[in-house]
Amino acid sequence: MTDVAAVRAPAFGNLRWLWLAVIVIVLDQLTKHLVVASLRPGDSIVVTPFASLVLAFNRGAAFSFLASETGWQRWLFTLVAIAACAVMAWLLSRGGRALFCAGLALIIGGALGNLYDRITLGHVVDFVLLHWRDWYYPAFNVADTAITIGAGALILDSFRQPREARDKAS
């Protein structure tokens, strides 16, 4: 029995990375609260020549995918977020390199930050708008940024793995 406990303890110790997810959730909700308290839909605060703060509500997923649907997408995206977070928490519990674990934690935090909005408000609050001349990138938030950085971390980590395996084989 001692052997089983010794095997499981390090794996569940990797859940310590969830502190990063909690930080993302707190920052995401804090910034959304500040924007909702400060702006009305349609308002814009120019921050730089290429970035503005706006108040936008997204009932869809990334890039407003399915936003114009009748409301069923809210529950679909809720189920997808819960399932994805469960799988990523399981992967996190199995362990891995720091970049892998940080990537998973960032994605979990971002997904839960947007999930909270979706459940409580029926939409996700977005507020960062990047633009250049007549080009505009869809508005996004801290949670979206964490998801993107987390995905990038997972991609970078996936490139490192084969090289490390080759080094061990040499």
Protein backbone atom coordinates (compact mmCIF):
# COMPACT_ATOMS: atom_id res chain seq x y z
CA MET A 1 0.00 0.00 0.00
CA THR A 2 2.88 2.34 0.65
CA ASP A 3 4.08 1.84 -2.93
CA VAL A 4 0.69 2.95 -4.36
CA ALA A 5 0.62 6.07 -2.18
CA ALA A 6 4.16 6.93 -3.23
CA VAL A 7 3.22 6.62 -6.89
CA ARG A 8 0.10 8.80 -6.60
CA ALA A 9 1.50 11.55 -4.40
CA PRO A 10 3.81 13.11 -7.01
CA ALA A 11 1.08 13.02 -9.67
CA PHE A 12 -1.48 14.86 -7.58
CA GLY A 13 1.28 17.24 -6.52
CA ASN A 14 1.18 18.55 -10.08
CA LEU A 15 -2.26 20.00 -9.34
CA ARG A 16 -0.31 22.71 -7.52
CA TRP A 17 -0.18 24.35 -10.96
CA LEU A 18 -3.84 25.22 -10.48
CA TRP A 19 -2.68 28.33 -8.57
CA LEU A 20 -1.91 29.74 -12.00
CA ALA A 21 -5.47 28.98 -13.14
CA VAL A 22 -6.84 30.76 -10.05
CA ILE A 23 -4.73 33.85 -10.80
CA VAL A 24 -6.07 33.91 -14.37
CA ILE A 25 -9.66 33.62 -13.15
CA VAL A 26 -9.21 36.42 -10.60
CA LEU A 27 -7.50 38.77 -13.07
CA ASP A 28 -10.06 37.97 -15.75
CA GLN A 29 -13.06 38.62 -13.53
CA LEU A 30 -11.51 41.73 -11.96
CA THR A 31 -10.75 43.33 -15.34
CA LYS A 32 -14.19 42.44 -16.69
CA HIS A 33 -15.83 43.95 -13.61
CA LEU A 34 -13.83 47.17 -14.02
CA VAL A 35 -14.71 47.46 -17.70
CA VAL A 36 -18.42 46.76 -17.14
CA ALA A 37 -18.46 49.38 -14.36
CA SER A 38 -16.64 51.95 -16.51
CA LEU A 39 -18.00 51.55 -20.03
CA ARG A 40 -21.28 51.17 -21.82
CA PRO A 41 -21.66 49.11 -25.00
CA GLY A 42 -20.40 51.25 -27.86
CA ASP A 43 -18.00 53.28 -25.69
CA SER A 44 -14.33 53.17 -26.59
CA ILE A 45 -11.20 54.34 -24.80
CA VAL A 46 -8.17 54.65 -27.06
CA VAL A 47 -5.13 53.27 -25.23
CA THR A 48 -2.60 53.29 -28.08
CA PRO A 49 -2.86 53.93 -31.83
CA PHE A 50 -3.52 50.19 -32.23
CA ALA A 51 -5.45 49.23 -29.07
CA SER A 52 -8.67 50.39 -27.44
CA LEU A 53 -10.82 49.36 -24.52
CA VAL A 54 -14.42 48.60 -25.48
CA LEU A 55 -17.33 46.78 -23.91
CA ALA A 56 -18.51 43.88 -26.03
CA PHE A 57 -20.69 40.88 -25.22
CA ASN A 58 -20.03 37.62 -27.03
CA ARG A 59 -22.73 34.96 -26.94
CA GLY A 60 -20.66 32.69 -29.15
CA ALA A 61 -17.23 31.16 -28.94
CA ALA A 62 -13.95 32.38 -30.43
CA PHE A 63 -14.44 35.02 -33.12
CA SER A 64 -18.18 35.08 -32.20
CA PHE A 65 -18.66 31.58 -33.64
CA LEU A 66 -22.39 30.72 -33.35
CA ALA A 67 -23.11 34.04 -31.60
CA SER A 68 -26.22 34.67 -33.68
CA GLU A 69 -27.88 31.39 -32.69
CA THR A 70 -30.96 31.24 -30.45
CA GLY A 71 -29.24 30.41 -27.14
CA TRP A 72 -28.57 26.68 -27.33
CA GLN A 73 -24.88 27.45 -27.97
CA ARG A 74 -24.55 28.76 -24.41
CA TRP A 75 -25.12 25.28 -23.04
CA LEU A 76 -23.02 23.58 -25.70
CA PHE A 77 -20.05 25.83 -24.89
CA THR A 78 -20.67 25.27 -21.17
CA LEU A 79 -20.51 21.49 -21.58
CA VAL A 80 -17.44 21.71 -23.83
CA ALA A 81 -15.64 23.94 -21.30
CA ILE A 82 -16.45 21.63 -18.38
CA ALA A 83 -15.36 18.52 -20.29
CA ALA A 84 -12.17 20.19 -21.56
CA CYS A 85 -11.26 21.43 -18.07
CA ALA A 86 -11.83 17.95 -16.61
CA VAL A 87 -9.57 16.36 -19.22
CA MET A 88 -6.89 19.03 -18.75
CA ALA A 89 -7.03 18.66 -14.94
CA TRP A 90 -6.56 14.91 -15.40
CA LEU A 91 -3.59 15.54 -17.72
CA LEU A 92 -2.20 18.00 -15.20
CA SER A 93 -2.51 15.43 -12.41
CA ARG A 94 -0.43 13.01 -14.49
CA GLY A 95 2.42 15.50 -14.53
CA GLY A 96 4.89 16.69 -17.08
CA ARG A 97 7.42 19.40 -17.68
CA ALA A 98 6.81 22.88 -16.29
CA LEU A 99 5.89 24.35 -19.69
CA PHE A 100 3.26 21.64 -20.24
CA CYS A 101 1.75 22.09 -16.77
CA ALA A 102 1.76 25.90 -17.04
CA GLY A 103 0.07 25.68 -20.45
CA LEU A 104 -2.68 23.44 -19.11
CA ALA A 105 -3.20 25.67 -16.07
CA LEU A 106 -3.46 28.80 -18.24
CA ILE A 107 -6.04 27.15 -20.49
CA ILE A 108 -8.04 25.88 -17.50
CA GLY A 109 -8.05 29.35 -15.91
CA GLY A 110 -9.11 31.02 -19.14
CA ALA A 111 -11.82 28.48 -19.85
CA LEU A 112 -13.23 28.78 -16.32
CA GLY A 113 -13.10 32.58 -16.44
CA ASN A 114 -15.19 32.64 -19.61
CA LEU A 115 -17.39 29.81 -18.33
CA TYR A 116 -18.30 31.88 -15.28
CA ASP A 117 -19.48 34.69 -17.57
CA ARG A 118 -21.38 32.32 -19.80
CA ILE A 119 -23.24 30.73 -16.87
CA THR A 120 -23.94 33.88 -14.85
CA LEU A 121 -24.44 36.45 -17.62
CA GLY A 122 -25.36 34.38 -20.67
CA HIS A 123 -22.45 35.89 -22.61
CA VAL A 124 -18.72 36.51 -22.30
CA VAL A 125 -17.47 40.04 -21.63
CA ASP A 126 -14.73 41.12 -24.06
CA PHE A 127 -12.93 44.45 -23.88
CA VAL A 128 -9.55 44.57 -25.64
CA LEU A 129 -9.81 45.68 -29.26
CA LEU A 130 -6.72 45.62 -31.46
CA HIS A 131 -6.84 47.58 -34.70
CA TRP A 132 -4.71 49.13 -37.38
CA ARG A 133 -6.18 51.62 -39.83
CA ASP A 134 -9.31 49.88 -41.20
CA TRP A 135 -8.43 46.43 -39.78
CA TYR A 136 -9.96 45.25 -36.49
CA TYR A 137 -9.24 42.06 -34.57
CA PRO A 138 -12.27 40.74 -32.64
CA ALA A 139 -12.43 41.98 -29.03
CA PHE A 140 -11.03 39.63 -26.41
CA ASN A 141 -10.30 39.46 -22.67
CA VAL A 142 -7.75 38.19 -20.13
CA ALA A 143 -9.19 34.66 -20.25
CA ASP A 144 -8.81 34.53 -24.03
CA THR A 145 -5.23 35.73 -23.71
CA ALA A 146 -4.45 33.03 -21.13
CA ILE A 147 -5.96 30.36 -23.38
CA THR A 148 -3.86 31.55 -26.32
CA ILE A 149 -0.63 31.69 -24.29
CA GLY A 150 -1.43 28.28 -22.78
CA ALA A 151 -2.00 26.76 -26.21
CA GLY A 152 1.28 28.26 -27.38
CA ALA A 153 3.04 26.74 -24.36
CA LEU A 154 1.60 23.31 -25.18
CA ILE A 155 2.72 23.63 -28.80
CA LEU A 156 6.25 24.66 -27.74
CA ASP A 157 6.35 21.81 -25.25
CA SER A 158 5.32 19.32 -27.94
CA PHE A 159 8.34 20.35 -30.04
CA ARG A 160 10.67 19.83 -27.11
CA GLN A 161 9.51 16.31 -26.32
CA PRO A 162 10.78 14.49 -29.42
CA ARG A 163 14.18 16.16 -29.10
CA GLU A 164 14.50 15.09 -25.44
CA ALA A 165 13.49 11.56 -26.38
CA ARG A 166 16.16 11.54 -29.10
CA ASP A 167 18.75 12.77 -26.63
CA LYS A 168 17.90 9.95 -24.22
CA ALA A 169 18.14 7.39 -27.02
CA SER A 170 21.63 8.62 -28.03
